[in-house]
PDB file of N, CA and C in Angstrom:
ATOM      1  N   MET A   1     120.205 278.724 151.717  1.00  0.00           N
ATOM      2  CA  MET A   1     119.003 278.211 152.344  1.00  0.00           C
ATOM      3  C   MET A   1     119.163 276.686 152.496  1.00  0.00           C
ATOM      4  N   MET A   2     118.668 276.148 153.590  1.00  0.00           N
ATOM      5  CA  MET A   2     118.784 274.723 153.877  1.00  0.00           C
ATOM      6  C   MET A   2     117.588 273.960 153.297  1.00  0.00           C
ATOM      7  N   LEU A   3     117.764 272.658 153.120  1.00  0.00           N
ATOM      8  CA  LEU A   3     116.724 271.823 152.519  1.00  0.00           C
ATOM      9  C   LEU A   3     115.385 271.968 153.242  1.00  0.00           C
ATOM     10  N   ARG A   4     115.383 271.960 154.560  1.00  0.00           N
ATOM     11  CA  ARG A   4     114.118 272.071 155.297  1.00  0.00           C
ATOM     12  C   ARG A   4     113.393 273.376 154.984  1.00  0.00           C
ATOM     13  N   GLU A   5     114.141 274.450 154.792  1.00  0.00           N
ATOM     14  CA  GLU A   5     113.513 275.730 154.442  1.00  0.00           C
ATOM     15  C   GLU A   5     112.877 275.655 153.057  1.00  0.00           C
ATOM     16  N   TYR A   6     113.547 275.013 152.117  1.00  0.00           N
ATOM     17  CA  TYR A   6     112.982 274.846 150.779  1.00  0.00           C
ATOM     18  C   TYR A   6     111.743 273.957 150.820  1.00  0.00           C
ATOM     19  N   LEU A   7     111.770 272.932 151.646  1.00  0.00           N
ATOM     20  CA  LEU A   7     110.600 272.065 151.769  1.00  0.00           C
ATOM     21  C   LEU A   7     109.395 272.848 152.276  1.00  0.00           C
ATOM     22  N   LYS A   8     109.622 273.717 153.255  1.00  0.00           N
ATOM     23  CA  LYS A   8     108.520 274.547 153.774  1.00  0.00           C
ATOM     24  C   LYS A   8     107.976 275.467 152.687  1.00  0.00           C
ATOM     25  N   LEU A   9     108.876 276.099 151.927  1.00  0.00           N
ATOM     26  CA  LEU A   9     108.437 276.979 150.846  1.00  0.00           C
ATOM     27  C   LEU A   9     107.633 276.219 149.794  1.00  0.00           C
ATOM     28  N   ALA A  10     107.993 274.952 149.574  1.00  0.00           N
ATOM     29  CA  ALA A  10     107.300 274.132 148.580  1.00  0.00           C
ATOM     30  C   ALA A  10     105.987 273.578 149.106  1.00  0.00           C
ATOM     31  N   GLY A  11     105.702 273.803 150.396  1.00  0.00           N
ATOM     32  CA  GLY A  11     104.450 273.319 150.964  1.00  0.00           C
ATOM     33  C   GLY A  11     104.529 271.890 151.474  1.00  0.00           C
ATOM     34  N   VAL A  12     105.728 271.370 151.622  1.00  0.00           N
ATOM     35  CA  VAL A  12     105.911 270.022 152.161  1.00  0.00           C
ATOM     36  C   VAL A  12     105.833 270.124 153.676  1.00  0.00           C
ATOM     37  N   THR A  13     104.841 269.497 154.265  1.00  0.00           N
ATOM     38  CA  THR A  13     104.582 269.686 155.697  1.00  0.00           C
ATOM     39  C   THR A  13     104.786 268.423 156.531  1.00  0.00           C
ATOM     40  N   ARG A  14     105.276 267.356 155.944  1.00  0.00           N
ATOM     41  CA  ARG A  14     105.449 266.111 156.699  1.00  0.00           C
ATOM     42  C   ARG A  14     106.306 266.360 157.945  1.00  0.00           C
ATOM     43  N   HIS A  15     105.750 266.079 159.096  1.00  0.00           N
ATOM     44  CA  HIS A  15     106.366 266.386 160.383  1.00  0.00           C
ATOM     45  C   HIS A  15     107.805 265.859 160.480  1.00  0.00           C
ATOM     46  N   GLU A  16     108.009 264.619 160.076  1.00  0.00           N
ATOM     47  CA  GLU A  16     109.326 263.995 160.229  1.00  0.00           C
ATOM     48  C   GLU A  16     110.412 264.685 159.418  1.00  0.00           C
ATOM     49  N   LEU A  17     110.026 265.426 158.396  1.00  0.00           N
ATOM     50  CA  LEU A  17     111.011 266.121 157.572  1.00  0.00           C
ATOM     51  C   LEU A  17     111.451 267.457 158.170  1.00  0.00           C
ATOM     52  N   HIS A  18     110.693 267.936 159.148  1.00  0.00           N
ATOM     53  CA  HIS A  18     110.982 269.251 159.708  1.00  0.00           C
ATOM     54  C   HIS A  18     111.414 269.242 161.172  1.00  0.00           C
ATOM     55  N   HIS A  19     111.242 268.121 161.847  1.00  0.00           N
ATOM     56  CA  HIS A  19     111.544 268.068 163.275  1.00  0.00           C
ATOM     57  C   HIS A  19     112.444 266.874 163.580  1.00  0.00           C
ATOM     58  N   SER A  20     113.477 267.130 164.351  1.00  0.00           N
ATOM     59  CA  SER A  20     114.390 266.067 164.751  1.00  0.00           C
ATOM     60  C   SER A  20     113.966 265.542 166.108  1.00  0.00           C
ATOM     61  N   GLU A  21     113.307 264.417 166.101  1.00  0.00           N
ATOM     62  CA  GLU A  21     112.879 263.768 167.345  1.00  0.00           C
ATOM     63  C   GLU A  21     113.401 262.348 167.331  1.00  0.00           C
ATOM     64  N   ARG A  22     113.829 261.885 168.451  1.00  0.00           N
ATOM     65  CA  ARG A  22     114.374 260.537 168.541  1.00  0.00           C
ATOM     66  C   ARG A  22     113.393 259.526 167.955  1.00  0.00           C
ATOM     67  N   GLY A  23     113.873 258.792 166.954  1.00  0.00           N
ATOM     68  CA  GLY A  23     113.069 257.738 166.354  1.00  0.00           C
ATOM     69  C   GLY A  23     112.058 258.201 165.324  1.00  0.00           C
ATOM     70  N   ARG A  24     111.921 259.517 165.116  1.00  0.00           N
ATOM     71  CA  ARG A  24     110.908 259.998 164.177  1.00  0.00           C
ATOM     72  C   ARG A  24     111.478 260.855 163.056  1.00  0.00           C
ATOM     73  N   SER A  25     112.655 261.394 163.221  1.00  0.00           N
ATOM     74  CA  SER A  25     113.168 262.285 162.183  1.00  0.00           C
ATOM     75  C   SER A  25     113.669 261.472 160.986  1.00  0.00           C
ATOM     76  N   MET A  26     113.647 262.115 159.827  1.00  0.00           N
ATOM     77  CA  MET A  26     114.098 261.468 158.602  1.00  0.00           C
ATOM     78  C   MET A  26     115.327 262.210 158.100  1.00  0.00           C
ATOM     79  N   HIS A  27     116.424 261.504 157.985  1.00  0.00           N
ATOM     80  CA  HIS A  27     117.636 262.093 157.435  1.00  0.00           C
ATOM     81  C   HIS A  27     117.593 261.868 155.926  1.00  0.00           C
ATOM     82  N   ILE A  28     117.581 262.939 155.157  1.00  0.00           N
ATOM     83  CA  ILE A  28     117.513 262.846 153.705  1.00  0.00           C
ATOM     84  C   ILE A  28     118.889 263.129 153.131  1.00  0.00           C
ATOM     85  N   THR A  29     119.315 262.258 152.230  1.00  0.00           N
ATOM     86  CA  THR A  29     120.608 262.435 151.563  1.00  0.00           C
ATOM     87  C   THR A  29     120.378 262.829 150.106  1.00  0.00           C
ATOM     88  N   ALA A  30     121.449 263.261 149.455  1.00  0.00           N
ATOM     89  CA  ALA A  30     121.368 263.575 148.027  1.00  0.00           C
ATOM     90  C   ALA A  30     120.950 262.335 147.238  1.00  0.00           C
ATOM     91  N   HIS A  31     121.412 261.176 147.658  1.00  0.00           N
ATOM     92  CA  HIS A  31     121.031 259.936 146.971  1.00  0.00           C
ATOM     93  C   HIS A  31     119.534 259.682 147.100  1.00  0.00           C
ATOM     94  N   ASP A  32     118.955 259.988 148.259  1.00  0.00           N
ATOM     95  CA  ASP A  32     117.505 259.840 148.433  1.00  0.00           C
ATOM     96  C   ASP A  32     116.744 260.733 147.456  1.00  0.00           C
ATOM     97  N   LEU A  33     117.208 261.971 147.299  1.00  0.00           N
ATOM     98  CA  LEU A  33     116.552 262.891 146.377  1.00  0.00           C
ATOM     99  C   LEU A  33     116.694 262.399 144.936  1.00  0.00           C
ATOM    100  N   ARG A  34     117.860 261.872 144.603  1.00  0.00           N
ATOM    101  CA  ARG A  34     118.088 261.318 143.259  1.00  0.00           C
ATOM    102  C   ARG A  34     117.163 260.139 143.011  1.00  0.00           C
ATOM    103  N   SER A  35     117.059 259.261 143.978  1.00  0.00           N
ATOM    104  CA  SER A  35     116.195 258.089 143.859  1.00  0.00           C
ATOM    105  C   SER A  35     114.735 258.501 143.708  1.00  0.00           C
ATOM    106  N   SER A  36     114.328 259.503 144.455  1.00  0.00           N
ATOM    107  CA  SER A  36     112.957 260.003 144.351  1.00  0.00           C
ATOM    108  C   SER A  36     112.686 260.557 142.961  1.00  0.00           C
ATOM    109  N   THR A  37     113.650 261.279 142.420  1.00  0.00           N
ATOM    110  CA  THR A  37     113.485 261.835 141.076  1.00  0.00           C
ATOM    111  C   THR A  37     113.317 260.728 140.049  1.00  0.00           C
ATOM    112  N   ILE A  38     114.125 259.691 140.153  1.00  0.00           N
ATOM    113  CA  ILE A  38     114.014 258.557 139.223  1.00  0.00           C
ATOM    114  C   ILE A  38     112.630 257.925 139.328  1.00  0.00           C
ATOM    115  N   THR A  39     112.138 257.752 140.551  1.00  0.00           N
ATOM    116  CA  THR A  39     110.819 257.168 140.747  1.00  0.00           C
ATOM    117  C   THR A  39     109.740 258.064 140.148  1.00  0.00           C
ATOM    118  N   TRP A  40     109.837 259.380 140.363  1.00  0.00           N
ATOM    119  CA  TRP A  40     108.848 260.298 139.801  1.00  0.00           C
ATOM    120  C   TRP A  40     108.881 260.287 138.277  1.00  0.00           C
ATOM    121  N   TRP A  41     110.062 260.167 137.680  1.00  0.00           N
ATOM    122  CA  TRP A  41     110.131 260.054 136.221  1.00  0.00           C
ATOM    123  C   TRP A  41     109.374 258.813 135.756  1.00  0.00           C
ATOM    124  N   ALA A  42     109.514 257.725 136.502  1.00  0.00           N
ATOM    125  CA  ALA A  42     108.785 256.502 136.158  1.00  0.00           C
ATOM    126  C   ALA A  42     107.283 256.697 136.326  1.00  0.00           C
ATOM    127  N   VAL A  43     106.876 257.405 137.383  1.00  0.00           N
ATOM    128  CA  VAL A  43     105.451 257.696 137.598  1.00  0.00           C
ATOM    129  C   VAL A  43     104.919 258.518 136.427  1.00  0.00           C
ATOM    130  N   ARG A  44     105.696 259.460 135.964  1.00  0.00           N
ATOM    131  CA  ARG A  44     105.281 260.325 134.860  1.00  0.00           C
ATOM    132  C   ARG A  44     105.175 259.537 133.554  1.00  0.00           C
ATOM    133  N   GLY A  45     105.816 258.359 133.520  1.00  0.00           N
ATOM    134  CA  GLY A  45     105.741 257.525 132.324  1.00  0.00           C
ATOM    135  C   GLY A  45     106.938 257.654 131.400  1.00  0.00           C
ATOM    136  N   ASP A  46     108.020 258.250 131.895  1.00  0.00           N
ATOM    137  CA  ASP A  46     109.219 258.372 131.072  1.00  0.00           C
ATOM    138  C   ASP A  46     109.745 256.984 130.718  1.00  0.00           C
ATOM    139  N   ASP A  47     110.321 256.873 129.543  1.00  0.00           N
ATOM    140  CA  ASP A  47     110.888 255.616 129.071  1.00  0.00           C
ATOM    141  C   ASP A  47     112.062 255.190 129.967  1.00  0.00           C
ATOM    142  N   ALA A  48     112.083 253.926 130.368  1.00  0.00           N
ATOM    143  CA  ALA A  48     113.122 253.420 131.284  1.00  0.00           C
ATOM    144  C   ALA A  48     114.522 253.594 130.716  1.00  0.00           C
ATOM    145  N   LEU A  49     114.689 253.406 129.413  1.00  0.00           N
ATOM    146  CA  LEU A  49     116.006 253.565 128.799  1.00  0.00           C
ATOM    147  C   LEU A  49     116.470 255.023 128.867  1.00  0.00           C
ATOM    148  N   LYS A  50     115.545 255.957 128.685  1.00  0.00           N
ATOM    149  CA  LYS A  50     115.890 257.370 128.787  1.00  0.00           C
ATOM    150  C   LYS A  50     116.262 257.733 130.224  1.00  0.00           C
ATOM    151  N   ILE A  51     115.525 257.174 131.189  1.00  0.00           N
ATOM    152  CA  ILE A  51     115.867 257.406 132.601  1.00  0.00           C
ATOM    153  C   ILE A  51     117.259 256.869 132.886  1.00  0.00           C
ATOM    154  N   GLN A  52     117.526 255.660 132.422  1.00  0.00           N
ATOM    155  CA  GLN A  52     118.835 255.040 132.641  1.00  0.00           C
ATOM    156  C   GLN A  52     119.949 255.944 132.124  1.00  0.00           C
ATOM    157  N   ARG A  53     119.769 256.475 130.921  1.00  0.00           N
ATOM    158  CA  ARG A  53     120.798 257.351 130.335  1.00  0.00           C
ATOM    159  C   ARG A  53     120.964 258.635 131.131  1.00  0.00           C
ATOM    160  N   ARG A  54     119.848 259.228 131.585  1.00  0.00           N
ATOM    161  CA  ARG A  54     119.909 260.479 132.357  1.00  0.00           C
ATOM    162  C   ARG A  54     120.718 260.320 133.629  1.00  0.00           C
ATOM    163  N   VAL A  55     120.497 259.205 134.322  1.00  0.00           N
ATOM    164  CA  VAL A  55     121.117 259.047 135.640  1.00  0.00           C
ATOM    165  C   VAL A  55     122.429 258.281 135.602  1.00  0.00           C
ATOM    166  N   GLY A  56     122.757 257.705 134.459  1.00  0.00           N
ATOM    167  CA  GLY A  56     124.043 257.031 134.320  1.00  0.00           C
ATOM    168  C   GLY A  56     124.097 255.631 134.901  1.00  0.00           C
ATOM    169  N   HIS A  57     122.943 254.974 135.029  1.00  0.00           N
ATOM    170  CA  HIS A  57     122.986 253.572 135.469  1.00  0.00           C
ATOM    171  C   HIS A  57     123.653 252.741 134.384  1.00  0.00           C
ATOM    172  N   GLU A  58     124.613 251.928 134.766  1.00  0.00           N
ATOM    173  CA  GLU A  58     125.280 251.064 133.793  1.00  0.00           C
ATOM    174  C   GLU A  58     124.364 249.934 133.345  1.00  0.00           C
ATOM    175  N   ASP A  59     123.464 249.533 134.210  1.00  0.00           N
ATOM    176  CA  ASP A  59     122.604 248.382 133.969  1.00  0.00           C
ATOM    177  C   ASP A  59     121.143 248.817 134.018  1.00  0.00           C
ATOM    178  N   LEU A  60     120.369 248.440 133.001  1.00  0.00           N
ATOM    179  CA  LEU A  60     118.954 248.798 132.968  1.00  0.00           C
ATOM    180  C   LEU A  60     118.193 248.173 134.133  1.00  0.00           C
ATOM    181  N   GLN A  61     118.697 247.077 134.684  1.00  0.00           N
ATOM    182  CA  GLN A  61     118.023 246.434 135.823  1.00  0.00           C
ATOM    183  C   GLN A  61     117.957 247.365 137.027  1.00  0.00           C
ATOM    184  N   THR A  62     118.963 248.194 137.204  1.00  0.00           N
ATOM    185  CA  THR A  62     118.965 249.142 138.319  1.00  0.00           C
ATOM    186  C   THR A  62     117.818 250.137 138.152  1.00  0.00           C
ATOM    187  N   THR A  63     117.667 250.668 136.956  1.00  0.00           N
ATOM    188  CA  THR A  63     116.569 251.594 136.670  1.00  0.00           C
ATOM    189  C   THR A  63     115.234 250.881 136.800  1.00  0.00           C
ATOM    190  N   ASP A  64     115.186 249.633 136.356  1.00  0.00           N
ATOM    191  CA  ASP A  64     113.946 248.856 136.365  1.00  0.00           C
ATOM    192  C   ASP A  64     113.408 248.649 137.788  1.00  0.00           C
ATOM    193  N   LEU A  65     114.264 248.705 138.797  1.00  0.00           N
ATOM    194  CA  LEU A  65     113.795 248.593 140.185  1.00  0.00           C
ATOM    195  C   LEU A  65     112.796 249.707 140.497  1.00  0.00           C
ATOM    196  N   HIS A  66     113.078 250.909 140.039  1.00  0.00           N
ATOM    197  CA  HIS A  66     112.180 252.050 140.255  1.00  0.00           C
ATOM    198  C   HIS A  66     110.898 251.879 139.452  1.00  0.00           C
ATOM    199  N   VAL A  67     111.031 251.428 138.216  1.00  0.00           N
ATOM    200  CA  VAL A  67     109.865 251.242 137.349  1.00  0.00           C
ATOM    201  C   VAL A  67     108.932 250.193 137.944  1.00  0.00           C
ATOM    202  N   ARG A  68     109.474 249.088 138.414  1.00  0.00           N
ATOM    203  CA  ARG A  68     108.648 248.029 139.015  1.00  0.00           C
ATOM    204  C   ARG A  68     107.967 248.505 140.292  1.00  0.00           C
ATOM    205  N   LEU A  69     108.653 249.307 141.079  1.00  0.00           N
ATOM    206  CA  LEU A  69     108.069 249.866 142.295  1.00  0.00           C
ATOM    207  C   LEU A  69     106.820 250.669 141.948  1.00  0.00           C
ATOM    208  N   VAL A  70     106.923 251.478 140.910  1.00  0.00           N
ATOM    209  CA  VAL A  70     105.799 252.304 140.471  1.00  0.00           C
ATOM    210  C   VAL A  70     104.670 251.440 139.938  1.00  0.00           C
ATOM    211  N   GLU A  71     105.004 250.445 139.140  1.00  0.00           N
ATOM    212  CA  GLU A  71     103.979 249.575 138.558  1.00  0.00           C
ATOM    213  C   GLU A  71     103.207 248.807 139.620  1.00  0.00           C
ATOM    214  N   ALA A  72     103.865 248.490 140.725  1.00  0.00           N
ATOM    215  CA  ALA A  72     103.223 247.719 141.787  1.00  0.00           C
ATOM    216  C   ALA A  72     102.413 248.589 142.745  1.00  0.00           C
ATOM    217  N   ALA A  73     102.614 249.898 142.678  1.00  0.00           N
ATOM    218  CA  ALA A  73     101.961 250.812 143.625  1.00  0.00           C
ATOM    219  C   ALA A  73     100.591 251.249 143.125  1.00  0.00           C
ATOM    220  N   ASP A  74      99.803 251.759 144.047  1.00  0.00           N
ATOM    221  CA  ASP A  74      98.504 252.338 143.718  1.00  0.00           C
ATOM    222  C   ASP A  74      98.759 253.683 143.037  1.00  0.00           C
ATOM    223  N   PRO A  75      98.328 253.854 141.786  1.00  0.00           N
ATOM    224  CA  PRO A  75      98.635 255.099 141.072  1.00  0.00           C
ATOM    225  C   PRO A  75      98.080 256.347 141.744  1.00  0.00           C
ATOM    226  N   VAL A  76      97.020 256.224 142.492  1.00  0.00           N
ATOM    227  CA  VAL A  76      96.437 257.378 143.180  1.00  0.00           C
ATOM    228  C   VAL A  76      97.356 257.861 144.301  1.00  0.00           C
ATOM    229  N   ALA A  77      98.167 256.963 144.848  1.00  0.00           N
ATOM    230  CA  ALA A  77      99.035 257.303 145.975  1.00  0.00           C
ATOM    231  C   ALA A  77     100.117 258.317 145.604  1.00  0.00           C
ATOM    232  N   PHE A  78     100.458 258.432 144.333  1.00  0.00           N
ATOM    233  CA  PHE A  78     101.564 259.288 143.926  1.00  0.00           C
ATOM    234  C   PHE A  78     101.172 260.740 143.709  1.00  0.00           C
ATOM    235  N   GLY A  79      99.963 261.000 143.303  1.00  0.00           N
ATOM    236  CA  GLY A  79      99.581 262.372 142.990  1.00  0.00           C
ATOM    237  C   GLY A  79     100.086 262.776 141.622  1.00  0.00           C
ATOM    238  N   VAL A  80     100.333 264.065 141.435  1.00  0.00           N
ATOM    239  CA  VAL A  80     100.755 264.594 140.148  1.00  0.00           C
ATOM    240  C   VAL A  80     102.273 264.716 140.107  1.00  0.00           C
ATOM    241  N   PRO A  81     102.921 264.026 139.163  1.00  0.00           N
ATOM    242  CA  PRO A  81     104.375 264.160 139.056  1.00  0.00           C
ATOM    243  C   PRO A  81     104.769 265.555 138.590  1.00  0.00           C
ATOM    244  N   PHE A  82     105.691 266.156 139.293  1.00  0.00           N
ATOM    245  CA  PHE A  82     106.273 267.437 138.940  1.00  0.00           C
ATOM    246  C   PHE A  82     105.229 268.528 138.657  1.00  0.00           C
ATOM    247  N   PRO A  83     104.374 268.827 139.654  1.00  0.00           N
ATOM    248  CA  PRO A  83     103.439 269.942 139.469  1.00  0.00           C
ATOM    249  C   PRO A  83     104.230 271.253 139.400  1.00  0.00           C
ATOM    250  N   PRO A  84     103.602 272.331 138.953  1.00  0.00           N
ATOM    251  CA  PRO A  84     104.316 273.610 138.892  1.00  0.00           C
ATOM    252  C   PRO A  84     104.855 274.005 140.275  1.00  0.00           C
ATOM    253  N   LEU A  85     106.025 274.612 140.280  1.00  0.00           N
ATOM    254  CA  LEU A  85     106.641 275.060 141.535  1.00  0.00           C
ATOM    255  C   LEU A  85     105.875 276.244 142.104  1.00  0.00           C
ATOM    256  N   PRO A  86     105.762 276.300 143.432  1.00  0.00           N
ATOM    257  CA  PRO A  86     105.143 277.486 144.050  1.00  0.00           C
ATOM    258  C   PRO A  86     105.972 278.735 143.741  1.00  0.00           C
ATOM    259  N   GLY A  87     105.290 279.850 143.573  1.00  0.00           N
ATOM    260  CA  GLY A  87     105.968 281.092 143.253  1.00  0.00           C
ATOM    261  C   GLY A  87     107.049 281.477 144.234  1.00  0.00           C
ATOM    262  N   ALA A  88     106.876 281.130 145.523  1.00  0.00           N
ATOM    263  CA  ALA A  88     107.869 281.485 146.543  1.00  0.00           C
ATOM    264  C   ALA A  88     109.230 280.865 146.249  1.00  0.00           C
ATOM    265  N   LEU A  89     109.251 279.729 145.580  1.00  0.00           N
ATOM    266  CA  LEU A  89     110.522 279.087 145.257  1.00  0.00           C
ATOM    267  C   LEU A  89     111.214 279.747 144.074  1.00  0.00           C
ATOM    268  N   LEU A  90     110.460 280.451 143.276  1.00  0.00           N
ATOM    269  CA  LEU A  90     111.019 281.050 142.068  1.00  0.00           C
ATOM    270  C   LEU A  90     111.507 282.471 142.289  1.00  0.00           C
ATOM    271  N   GLU A  91     111.263 283.012 143.482  1.00  0.00           N
ATOM    272  CA  GLU A  91     111.684 284.389 143.780  1.00  0.00           C
ATOM    273  C   GLU A  91     113.157 284.456 144.091  1.00  0.00           C
TER     274      GLU A  91
END
């Protein structure tokens, strides 16, 4: 199954993630997904040192970029970190 199919099953409906249109489509890489996960861990309140160890950053400053991004953002904008997966994804 391709990433776009999994996104649909998860209820992710952002147009740019599902349609390739000139100037509007979003190309997602594995690094983007990794970066998003690090940011969500920071939103959840995970310790920065533990995040650093999980992802293998040699320098805590690299991890701290994600933590600072979260601290500067509106907490309501993020929603719930890691909500339960929809049943369709677990089948």
